[in-house]
């Protein structure tokens, strides 16, 4: 669907610029090559930028349970650990 008829910019064009890193209405307009026209598109652009920002913030604030588990560190297998274990076993 067209967001800006004056410049022939579609919703897909706007979403592509948002995914590429545009974070404001001004940045989206620049990325899409939009020139000043009737201005009717500005309200829709603002809404799309706000929706994208909210979605990005929501993705960043996932609960820890939703994140993949971090790899667990391997137990210490250094020679000094083996010496300490041997001392405890011989003392018993």
PDB file of N, CA and C in Angstrom:
ATOM      1  N   UNK A   1       0.845  -1.166   0.000  1.00  0.00           N
ATOM      2  CA  UNK A   1       0.000   0.000   0.000  1.00  0.00           C
ATOM      3  C   UNK A   1       0.900   1.242   0.000  1.00  0.00           C
ATOM      4  N   UNK A   2       0.480   2.263  -0.676  1.00  0.00           N
ATOM      5  CA  UNK A   2       1.240   3.503  -0.732  1.00  0.00           C
ATOM      6  C   UNK A   2       1.116   4.280   0.568  1.00  0.00           C
ATOM      7  N   UNK A   3       2.241   4.761   1.062  1.00  0.00           N
ATOM      8  CA  UNK A   3       2.269   5.651   2.216  1.00  0.00           C
ATOM      9  C   UNK A   3       2.307   7.089   1.709  1.00  0.00           C
ATOM     10  N   UNK A   4       3.074   7.301   0.644  1.00  0.00           N
ATOM     11  CA  UNK A   4       3.209   8.639   0.069  1.00  0.00           C
ATOM     12  C   UNK A   4       2.948   8.565  -1.432  1.00  0.00           C
ATOM     13  N   UNK A   5       1.847   9.130  -1.847  1.00  0.00           N
ATOM     14  CA  UNK A   5       1.490   9.121  -3.260  1.00  0.00           C
ATOM     15  C   UNK A   5       2.357  10.107  -4.038  1.00  0.00           C
ATOM     16  N   UNK A   6       2.692  11.245  -3.415  1.00  0.00           N
ATOM     17  CA  UNK A   6       3.497  12.271  -4.100  1.00  0.00           C
ATOM     18  C   UNK A   6       4.851  11.719  -4.549  1.00  0.00           C
ATOM     19  N   UNK A   7       5.456  10.835  -3.708  1.00  0.00           N
ATOM     20  CA  UNK A   7       6.783  10.304  -4.005  1.00  0.00           C
ATOM     21  C   UNK A   7       6.758   8.830  -4.385  1.00  0.00           C
ATOM     22  N   UNK A   8       5.586   8.217  -4.402  1.00  0.00           N
ATOM     23  CA  UNK A   8       5.468   6.812  -4.779  1.00  0.00           C
ATOM     24  C   UNK A   8       6.146   5.859  -3.798  1.00  0.00           C
ATOM     25  N   UNK A   9       6.076   6.161  -2.493  1.00  0.00           N
ATOM     26  CA  UNK A   9       6.713   5.349  -1.451  1.00  0.00           C
ATOM     27  C   UNK A   9       5.680   4.414  -0.841  1.00  0.00           C
ATOM     28  N   UNK A  10       6.035   3.135  -0.784  1.00  0.00           N
ATOM     29  CA  UNK A  10       5.124   2.129  -0.246  1.00  0.00           C
ATOM     30  C   UNK A  10       5.487   1.778   1.201  1.00  0.00           C
ATOM     31  N   UNK A  11       4.602   1.029   1.852  1.00  0.00           N
ATOM     32  CA  UNK A  11       4.889   0.543   3.205  1.00  0.00           C
ATOM     33  C   UNK A  11       6.140  -0.326   3.210  1.00  0.00           C
ATOM     34  N   UNK A  12       6.321  -1.131   2.175  1.00  0.00           N
ATOM     35  CA  UNK A  12       7.519  -1.975   2.093  1.00  0.00           C
ATOM     36  C   UNK A  12       8.785  -1.130   2.043  1.00  0.00           C
ATOM     37  N   UNK A  13       8.746  -0.004   1.321  1.00  0.00           N
ATOM     38  CA  UNK A  13       9.899   0.898   1.266  1.00  0.00           C
ATOM     39  C   UNK A  13      10.216   1.452   2.652  1.00  0.00           C
ATOM     40  N   UNK A  14       9.183   1.861   3.369  1.00  0.00           N
ATOM     41  CA  UNK A  14       9.362   2.428   4.705  1.00  0.00           C
ATOM     42  C   UNK A  14       9.907   1.365   5.655  1.00  0.00           C
ATOM     43  N   UNK A  15       9.335   0.167   5.624  1.00  0.00           N
ATOM     44  CA  UNK A  15       9.807  -0.907   6.508  1.00  0.00           C
ATOM     45  C   UNK A  15      11.246  -1.291   6.203  1.00  0.00           C
ATOM     46  N   UNK A  16      11.617  -1.295   4.935  1.00  0.00           N
ATOM     47  CA  UNK A  16      12.999  -1.613   4.570  1.00  0.00           C
ATOM     48  C   UNK A  16      13.967  -0.570   5.134  1.00  0.00           C
ATOM     49  N   UNK A  17      13.585   0.690   5.084  1.00  0.00           N
ATOM     50  CA  UNK A  17      14.462   1.727   5.631  1.00  0.00           C
ATOM     51  C   UNK A  17      14.541   1.627   7.157  1.00  0.00           C
ATOM     52  N   UNK A  18      13.437   1.255   7.805  1.00  0.00           N
ATOM     53  CA  UNK A  18      13.464   1.071   9.261  1.00  0.00           C
ATOM     54  C   UNK A  18      14.353  -0.104   9.639  1.00  0.00           C
ATOM     55  N   UNK A  19      14.257  -1.198   8.902  1.00  0.00           N
ATOM     56  CA  UNK A  19      15.107  -2.365   9.175  1.00  0.00           C
ATOM     57  C   UNK A  19      16.578  -2.053   8.916  1.00  0.00           C
ATOM     58  N   UNK A  20      16.835  -1.143   7.990  1.00  0.00           N
ATOM     59  CA  UNK A  20      18.214  -0.770   7.657  1.00  0.00           C
ATOM     60  C   UNK A  20      18.802   0.212   8.670  1.00  0.00           C
ATOM     61  N   UNK A  21      17.975   0.685   9.607  1.00  0.00           N
ATOM     62  CA  UNK A  21      18.520   1.518  10.670  1.00  0.00           C
ATOM     63  C   UNK A  21      17.909   2.899  10.817  1.00  0.00           C
ATOM     64  N   UNK A  22      17.039   3.317   9.920  1.00  0.00           N
ATOM     65  CA  UNK A  22      16.382   4.614  10.089  1.00  0.00           C
ATOM     66  C   UNK A  22      15.553   4.568  11.366  1.00  0.00           C
ATOM     67  N   UNK A  23      15.650   5.617  12.184  1.00  0.00           N
ATOM     68  CA  UNK A  23      14.949   5.596  13.462  1.00  0.00           C
ATOM     69  C   UNK A  23      13.990   6.742  13.679  1.00  0.00           C
ATOM     70  N   UNK A  24      13.970   7.680  12.743  1.00  0.00           N
ATOM     71  CA  UNK A  24      13.063   8.819  12.853  1.00  0.00           C
ATOM     72  C   UNK A  24      12.336   9.012  11.529  1.00  0.00           C
ATOM     73  N   UNK A  25      11.286   9.815  11.589  1.00  0.00           N
ATOM     74  CA  UNK A  25      10.537  10.120  10.368  1.00  0.00           C
ATOM     75  C   UNK A  25      11.441  10.814   9.358  1.00  0.00           C
ATOM     76  N   UNK A  26      12.263  11.719   9.819  1.00  0.00           N
ATOM     77  CA  UNK A  26      13.190  12.435   8.938  1.00  0.00           C
ATOM     78  C   UNK A  26      14.161  11.467   8.262  1.00  0.00           C
ATOM     79  N   UNK A  27      14.683  10.508   9.027  1.00  0.00           N
ATOM     80  CA  UNK A  27      15.613   9.522   8.453  1.00  0.00           C
ATOM     81  C   UNK A  27      14.917   8.628   7.432  1.00  0.00           C
ATOM     82  N   UNK A  28      13.669   8.253   7.708  1.00  0.00           N
ATOM     83  CA  UNK A  28      12.909   7.431   6.751  1.00  0.00           C
ATOM     84  C   UNK A  28      12.696   8.210   5.464  1.00  0.00           C
ATOM     85  N   UNK A  29      12.304   9.471   5.582  1.00  0.00           N
ATOM     86  CA  UNK A  29      12.091  10.294   4.389  1.00  0.00           C
ATOM     87  C   UNK A  29      13.368  10.409   3.565  1.00  0.00           C
ATOM     88  N   UNK A  30      14.497  10.598   4.239  1.00  0.00           N
ATOM     89  CA  UNK A  30      15.774  10.710   3.526  1.00  0.00           C
ATOM     90  C   UNK A  30      16.141   9.386   2.865  1.00  0.00           C
ATOM     91  N   UNK A  31      15.952   8.276   3.591  1.00  0.00           N
ATOM     92  CA  UNK A  31      16.303   6.958   3.049  1.00  0.00           C
ATOM     93  C   UNK A  31      15.432   6.588   1.857  1.00  0.00           C
ATOM     94  N   UNK A  32      14.192   7.033   1.864  1.00  0.00           N
ATOM     95  CA  UNK A  32      13.273   6.722   0.762  1.00  0.00           C
ATOM     96  C   UNK A  32      13.336   7.757  -0.355  1.00  0.00           C
ATOM     97  N   UNK A  33      14.149   8.792  -0.170  1.00  0.00           N
ATOM     98  CA  UNK A  33      14.269   9.823  -1.182  1.00  0.00           C
ATOM     99  C   UNK A  33      13.030  10.686  -1.325  1.00  0.00           C
ATOM    100  N   UNK A  34      12.324  10.865  -0.233  1.00  0.00           N
ATOM    101  CA  UNK A  34      11.074  11.631  -0.285  1.00  0.00           C
ATOM    102  C   UNK A  34      11.354  13.125  -0.281  1.00  0.00           C
ATOM    103  N   UNK A  35      10.709  13.828  -1.187  1.00  0.00           N
ATOM    104  CA  UNK A  35      10.775  15.294  -1.274  1.00  0.00           C
ATOM    105  C   UNK A  35       9.485  15.858  -0.705  1.00  0.00           C
ATOM    106  N   UNK A  36       9.518  17.118  -0.219  1.00  0.00           N
ATOM    107  CA  UNK A  36       8.294  17.714   0.320  1.00  0.00           C
ATOM    108  C   UNK A  36       7.160  17.704  -0.709  1.00  0.00           C
ATOM    109  N   UNK A  37       6.002  17.325  -0.236  1.00  0.00           N
ATOM    110  CA  UNK A  37       4.813  17.287  -1.086  1.00  0.00           C
ATOM    111  C   UNK A  37       3.634  17.827  -0.303  1.00  0.00           C
ATOM    112  N   UNK A  38       2.543  17.105  -0.331  1.00  0.00           N
ATOM    113  CA  UNK A  38       1.325  17.566   0.343  1.00  0.00           C
ATOM    114  C   UNK A  38       1.391  17.392   1.852  1.00  0.00           C
ATOM    115  N   UNK A  39       2.255  16.477   2.363  1.00  0.00           N
ATOM    116  CA  UNK A  39       2.415  16.285   3.804  1.00  0.00           C
ATOM    117  C   UNK A  39       1.459  15.291   4.431  1.00  0.00           C
ATOM    118  N   UNK A  40       0.562  14.742   3.638  1.00  0.00           N
ATOM    119  CA  UNK A  40      -0.416  13.794   4.166  1.00  0.00           C
ATOM    120  C   UNK A  40       0.252  12.538   4.725  1.00  0.00           C
ATOM    121  N   UNK A  41       1.393  12.170   4.201  1.00  0.00           N
ATOM    122  CA  UNK A  41       2.067  10.936   4.615  1.00  0.00           C
ATOM    123  C   UNK A  41       2.723  11.039   5.985  1.00  0.00           C
ATOM    124  N   UNK A  42       2.982  12.230   6.466  1.00  0.00           N
ATOM    125  CA  UNK A  42       3.763  12.408   7.691  1.00  0.00           C
ATOM    126  C   UNK A  42       3.133  11.707   8.883  1.00  0.00           C
ATOM    127  N   UNK A  43       1.835  11.789   9.025  1.00  0.00           N
ATOM    128  CA  UNK A  43       1.163  11.143  10.158  1.00  0.00           C
ATOM    129  C   UNK A  43       1.349   9.624  10.095  1.00  0.00           C
ATOM    130  N   UNK A  44       1.183   9.040   8.906  1.00  0.00           N
ATOM    131  CA  UNK A  44       1.361   7.591   8.752  1.00  0.00           C
ATOM    132  C   UNK A  44       2.811   7.191   8.993  1.00  0.00           C
ATOM    133  N   UNK A  45       3.748   7.997   8.497  1.00  0.00           N
ATOM    134  CA  UNK A  45       5.166   7.705   8.740  1.00  0.00           C
ATOM    135  C   UNK A  45       5.481   7.731  10.230  1.00  0.00           C
ATOM    136  N   UNK A  46       4.984   8.733  10.928  1.00  0.00           N
ATOM    137  CA  UNK A  46       5.206   8.816  12.383  1.00  0.00           C
ATOM    138  C   UNK A  46       4.671   7.580  13.087  1.00  0.00           C
ATOM    139  N   UNK A  47       3.496   7.124  12.693  1.00  0.00           N
ATOM    140  CA  UNK A  47       2.897   5.935  13.296  1.00  0.00           C
ATOM    141  C   UNK A  47       3.744   4.695  13.009  1.00  0.00           C
ATOM    142  N   UNK A  48       4.230   4.563  11.775  1.00  0.00           N
ATOM    143  CA  UNK A  48       5.044   3.397  11.425  1.00  0.00           C
ATOM    144  C   UNK A  48       6.370   3.397  12.183  1.00  0.00           C
ATOM    145  N   UNK A  49       6.990   4.570  12.323  1.00  0.00           N
ATOM    146  CA  UNK A  49       8.246   4.672  13.071  1.00  0.00           C
ATOM    147  C   UNK A  49       8.008   4.312  14.536  1.00  0.00           C
ATOM    148  N   UNK A  50       6.919   4.818  15.111  1.00  0.00           N
ATOM    149  CA  UNK A  50       6.599   4.516  16.509  1.00  0.00           C
ATOM    150  C   UNK A  50       6.321   3.031  16.708  1.00  0.00           C
ATOM    151  N   UNK A  51       5.584   2.419  15.788  1.00  0.00           N
ATOM    152  CA  UNK A  51       5.307   0.979  15.875  1.00  0.00           C
ATOM    153  C   UNK A  51       6.596   0.172  15.808  1.00  0.00           C
ATOM    154  N   UNK A  52       7.474   0.546  14.905  1.00  0.00           N
ATOM    155  CA  UNK A  52       8.747  -0.165  14.753  1.00  0.00           C
ATOM    156  C   UNK A  52       9.602  -0.008  16.016  1.00  0.00           C
ATOM    157  N   UNK A  53       9.633   1.188  16.575  1.00  0.00           N
ATOM    158  CA  UNK A  53      10.417   1.442  17.792  1.00  0.00           C
ATOM    159  C   UNK A  53       9.878   0.607  18.952  1.00  0.00           C
ATOM    160  N   UNK A  54       8.543   0.568  19.106  1.00  0.00           N
ATOM    161  CA  UNK A  54       7.944  -0.238  20.187  1.00  0.00           C
ATOM    162  C   UNK A  54       8.261  -1.709  20.012  1.00  0.00           C
ATOM    163  N   UNK A  55       8.177  -2.206  18.781  1.00  0.00           N
ATOM    164  CA  UNK A  55       8.471  -3.621  18.523  1.00  0.00           C
ATOM    165  C   UNK A  55       9.921  -3.929  18.845  1.00  0.00           C
ATOM    166  N   UNK A  56      10.822  -3.022  18.489  1.00  0.00           N
ATOM    167  CA  UNK A  56      12.247  -3.237  18.759  1.00  0.00           C
ATOM    168  C   UNK A  56      12.516  -3.222  20.249  1.00  0.00           C
ATOM    169  N   UNK A  57      11.879  -2.306  20.995  1.00  0.00           N
ATOM    170  CA  UNK A  57      12.052  -2.252  22.443  1.00  0.00           C
ATOM    171  C   UNK A  57      11.490  -3.495  23.111  1.00  0.00           C
ATOM    172  N   UNK A  58      10.378  -4.003  22.613  1.00  0.00           N
ATOM    173  CA  UNK A  58       9.778  -5.212  23.163  1.00  0.00           C
ATOM    174  C   UNK A  58      10.703  -6.402  22.960  1.00  0.00           C
ATOM    175  N   UNK A  59      11.298  -6.507  21.782  1.00  0.00           N
ATOM    176  CA  UNK A  59      12.228  -7.602  21.513  1.00  0.00           C
ATOM    177  C   UNK A  59      13.441  -7.541  22.423  1.00  0.00           C
ATOM    178  N   UNK A  60      13.882  -6.339  22.778  1.00  0.00           N
ATOM    179  CA  UNK A  60      15.061  -6.183  23.618  1.00  0.00           C
ATOM    180  C   UNK A  60      14.775  -6.470  25.083  1.00  0.00           C
ATOM    181  N   UNK A  61      13.511  -6.482  25.481  1.00  0.00           N
ATOM    182  CA  UNK A  61      13.186  -6.662  26.891  1.00  0.00           C
ATOM    183  C   UNK A  61      12.540  -8.025  27.151  1.00  0.00           C
ATOM    184  N   UNK A  62      13.020  -9.041  26.472  1.00  0.00           N
ATOM    185  CA  UNK A  62      12.496 -10.384  26.709  1.00  0.00           C
ATOM    186  C   UNK A  62      12.892 -10.864  28.097  1.00  0.00           C
ATOM    187  N   UNK A  63      12.061 -11.655  28.760  1.00  0.00           N
ATOM    188  CA  UNK A  63      12.464 -12.207  30.051  1.00  0.00           C
ATOM    189  C   UNK A  63      13.625 -13.168  29.869  1.00  0.00           C
ATOM    190  N   UNK A  64      14.418 -13.328  30.911  1.00  0.00           N
ATOM    191  CA  UNK A  64      15.605 -14.180  30.813  1.00  0.00           C
ATOM    192  C   UNK A  64      15.268 -15.615  30.435  1.00  0.00           C
ATOM    193  N   UNK A  65      14.081 -16.091  30.843  1.00  0.00           N
ATOM    194  CA  UNK A  65      13.702 -17.461  30.516  1.00  0.00           C
ATOM    195  C   UNK A  65      13.551 -17.653  29.009  1.00  0.00           C
ATOM    196  N   UNK A  66      13.268 -16.588  28.291  1.00  0.00           N
ATOM    197  CA  UNK A  66      13.067 -16.693  26.849  1.00  0.00           C
ATOM    198  C   UNK A  66      14.384 -16.700  26.087  1.00  0.00           C
ATOM    199  N   UNK A  67      15.469 -16.322  26.753  1.00  0.00           N
ATOM    200  CA  UNK A  67      16.768 -16.290  26.095  1.00  0.00           C
ATOM    201  C   UNK A  67      17.425 -17.662  26.168  1.00  0.00           C
ATOM    202  N   UNK A  68      18.233 -18.019  25.185  1.00  0.00           N
ATOM    203  CA  UNK A  68      18.922 -19.309  25.250  1.00  0.00           C
ATOM    204  C   UNK A  68      19.897 -19.324  26.413  1.00  0.00           C
ATOM    205  N   UNK A  69      20.056 -20.476  26.990  1.00  0.00           N
ATOM    206  CA  UNK A  69      20.952 -20.612  28.134  1.00  0.00           C
ATOM    207  C   UNK A  69      22.399 -20.405  27.709  1.00  0.00           C
ATOM    208  N   UNK A  70      23.149 -19.741  28.566  1.00  0.00           N
ATOM    209  CA  UNK A  70      24.571 -19.536  28.298  1.00  0.00           C
ATOM    210  C   UNK A  70      25.308 -20.850  28.542  1.00  0.00           C
ATOM    211  N   UNK A  71      26.359 -21.106  27.780  1.00  0.00           N
ATOM    212  CA  UNK A  71      27.106 -22.341  28.020  1.00  0.00           C
ATOM    213  C   UNK A  71      27.733 -22.326  29.406  1.00  0.00           C
ATOM    214  N   UNK A  72      27.709 -23.466  30.053  1.00  0.00           N
ATOM    215  CA  UNK A  72      28.279 -23.560  31.394  1.00  0.00           C
ATOM    216  C   UNK A  72      29.798 -23.718  31.291  1.00  0.00           C
ATOM    217  N   UNK A  73      30.525 -23.106  32.219  1.00  0.00           N
ATOM    218  CA  UNK A  73      31.982 -23.257  32.175  1.00  0.00           C
ATOM    219  C   UNK A  73      32.379 -24.687  32.501  1.00  0.00           C
ATOM    220  N   UNK A  74      33.428 -25.130  31.867  1.00  0.00           N
ATOM    221  CA  UNK A  74      33.923 -26.478  32.130  1.00  0.00           C
ATOM    222  C   UNK A  74      34.591 -26.508  33.492  1.00  0.00           C
ATOM    223  N   UNK A  75      34.513 -27.625  34.196  1.00  0.00           N
ATOM    224  CA  UNK A  75      35.178 -27.706  35.499  1.00  0.00           C
ATOM    225  C   UNK A  75      36.683 -27.544  35.330  1.00  0.00           C
ATOM    226  N   UNK A  76      37.295 -27.036  36.375  1.00  0.00           N
ATOM    227  CA  UNK A  76      38.735 -26.793  36.334  1.00  0.00           C
ATOM    228  C   UNK A  76      39.471 -28.127  36.247  1.00  0.00           C
ATOM    229  N   UNK A  77      40.237 -28.302  35.208  1.00  0.00           N
ATOM    230  CA  UNK A  77      40.995 -29.541  35.021  1.00  0.00           C
ATOM    231  C   UNK A  77      42.487 -29.250  34.987  1.00  0.00           C
ATOM    232  N   UNK A  78      42.880 -28.146  35.644  1.00  0.00           N
ATOM    233  CA  UNK A  78      44.294 -27.788  35.656  1.00  0.00           C
ATOM    234  C   UNK A  78      45.059 -28.730  36.575  1.00  0.00           C
ATOM    235  N   UNK A  79      46.360 -28.862  36.384  1.00  0.00           N
ATOM    236  CA  UNK A  79      47.169 -29.751  37.231  1.00  0.00           C
ATOM    237  C   UNK A  79      47.084 -29.393  38.702  1.00  0.00           C
ATOM    238  N   UNK A  80      46.960 -28.116  39.046  1.00  0.00           N
ATOM    239  CA  UNK A  80      46.886 -27.733  40.460  1.00  0.00           C
ATOM    240  C   UNK A  80      45.617 -28.271  41.108  1.00  0.00           C
ATOM    241  N   UNK A  81      44.541 -28.370  40.360  1.00  0.00           N
ATOM    242  CA  UNK A  81      43.305 -28.926  40.912  1.00  0.00           C
ATOM    243  C   UNK A  81      43.485 -30.409  41.194  1.00  0.00           C
ATOM    244  N   UNK A  82      44.185 -31.129  40.320  1.00  0.00           N
ATOM    245  CA  UNK A  82      44.431 -32.555  40.527  1.00  0.00           C
ATOM    246  C   UNK A  82      45.308 -32.781  41.752  1.00  0.00           C
ATOM    247  N   UNK A  83      46.299 -31.934  41.995  1.00  0.00           N
ATOM    248  CA  UNK A  83      47.187 -32.074  43.153  1.00  0.00           C
ATOM    249  C   UNK A  83      46.389 -31.904  44.435  1.00  0.00           C
ATOM    250  N   UNK A  84      45.504 -30.890  44.485  1.00  0.00           N
ATOM    251  CA  UNK A  84      44.697 -30.671  45.673  1.00  0.00           C
ATOM    252  C   UNK A  84      43.791 -31.855  45.953  1.00  0.00           C
ATOM    253  N   UNK A  85      43.229 -32.444  44.910  1.00  0.00           N
ATOM    254  CA  UNK A  85      42.360 -33.608  45.069  1.00  0.00           C
ATOM    255  C   UNK A  85      43.155 -34.787  45.600  1.00  0.00           C
ATOM    256  N   UNK A  86      44.365 -34.972  45.068  1.00  0.00           N
ATOM    257  CA  UNK A  86      45.200 -36.100  45.521  1.00  0.00           C
ATOM    258  C   UNK A  86      45.582 -35.927  46.980  1.00  0.00           C
ATOM    259  N   UNK A  87      45.876 -34.699  47.433  1.00  0.00           N
ATOM    260  CA  UNK A  87      46.230 -34.459  48.829  1.00  0.00           C
ATOM    261  C   UNK A  87      45.067 -34.787  49.759  1.00  0.00           C
ATOM    262  N   UNK A  88      43.843 -34.429  49.342  1.00  0.00           N
ATOM    263  CA  UNK A  88      42.682 -34.710  50.190  1.00  0.00           C
ATOM    264  C   UNK A  88      42.458 -36.215  50.273  1.00  0.00           C
ATOM    265  N   UNK A  89      42.675 -36.924  49.171  1.00  0.00           N
ATOM    266  CA  UNK A  89      42.428 -38.385  49.169  1.00  0.00           C
ATOM    267  C   UNK A  89      43.489 -39.108  50.012  1.00  0.00           C
ATOM    268  N   UNK A  90      44.741 -38.676  49.977  1.00  0.00           N
ATOM    269  CA  UNK A  90      45.783 -39.352  50.747  1.00  0.00           C
ATOM    270  C   UNK A  90      45.694 -39.001  52.227  1.00  0.00           C
ATOM    271  N   UNK A  91      45.132 -37.836  52.566  1.00  0.00           N
ATOM    272  CA  UNK A  91      45.008 -37.441  53.961  1.00  0.00           C
ATOM    273  C   UNK A  91      43.889 -38.234  54.638  1.00  0.00           C
ATOM    274  N   UNK A  92      42.944 -38.736  53.905  1.00  0.00           N
ATOM    275  CA  UNK A  92      41.805 -39.430  54.487  1.00  0.00           C
ATOM    276  C   UNK A  92      42.093 -40.845  54.879  1.00  0.00           C
TER     277      UNK A  92
END
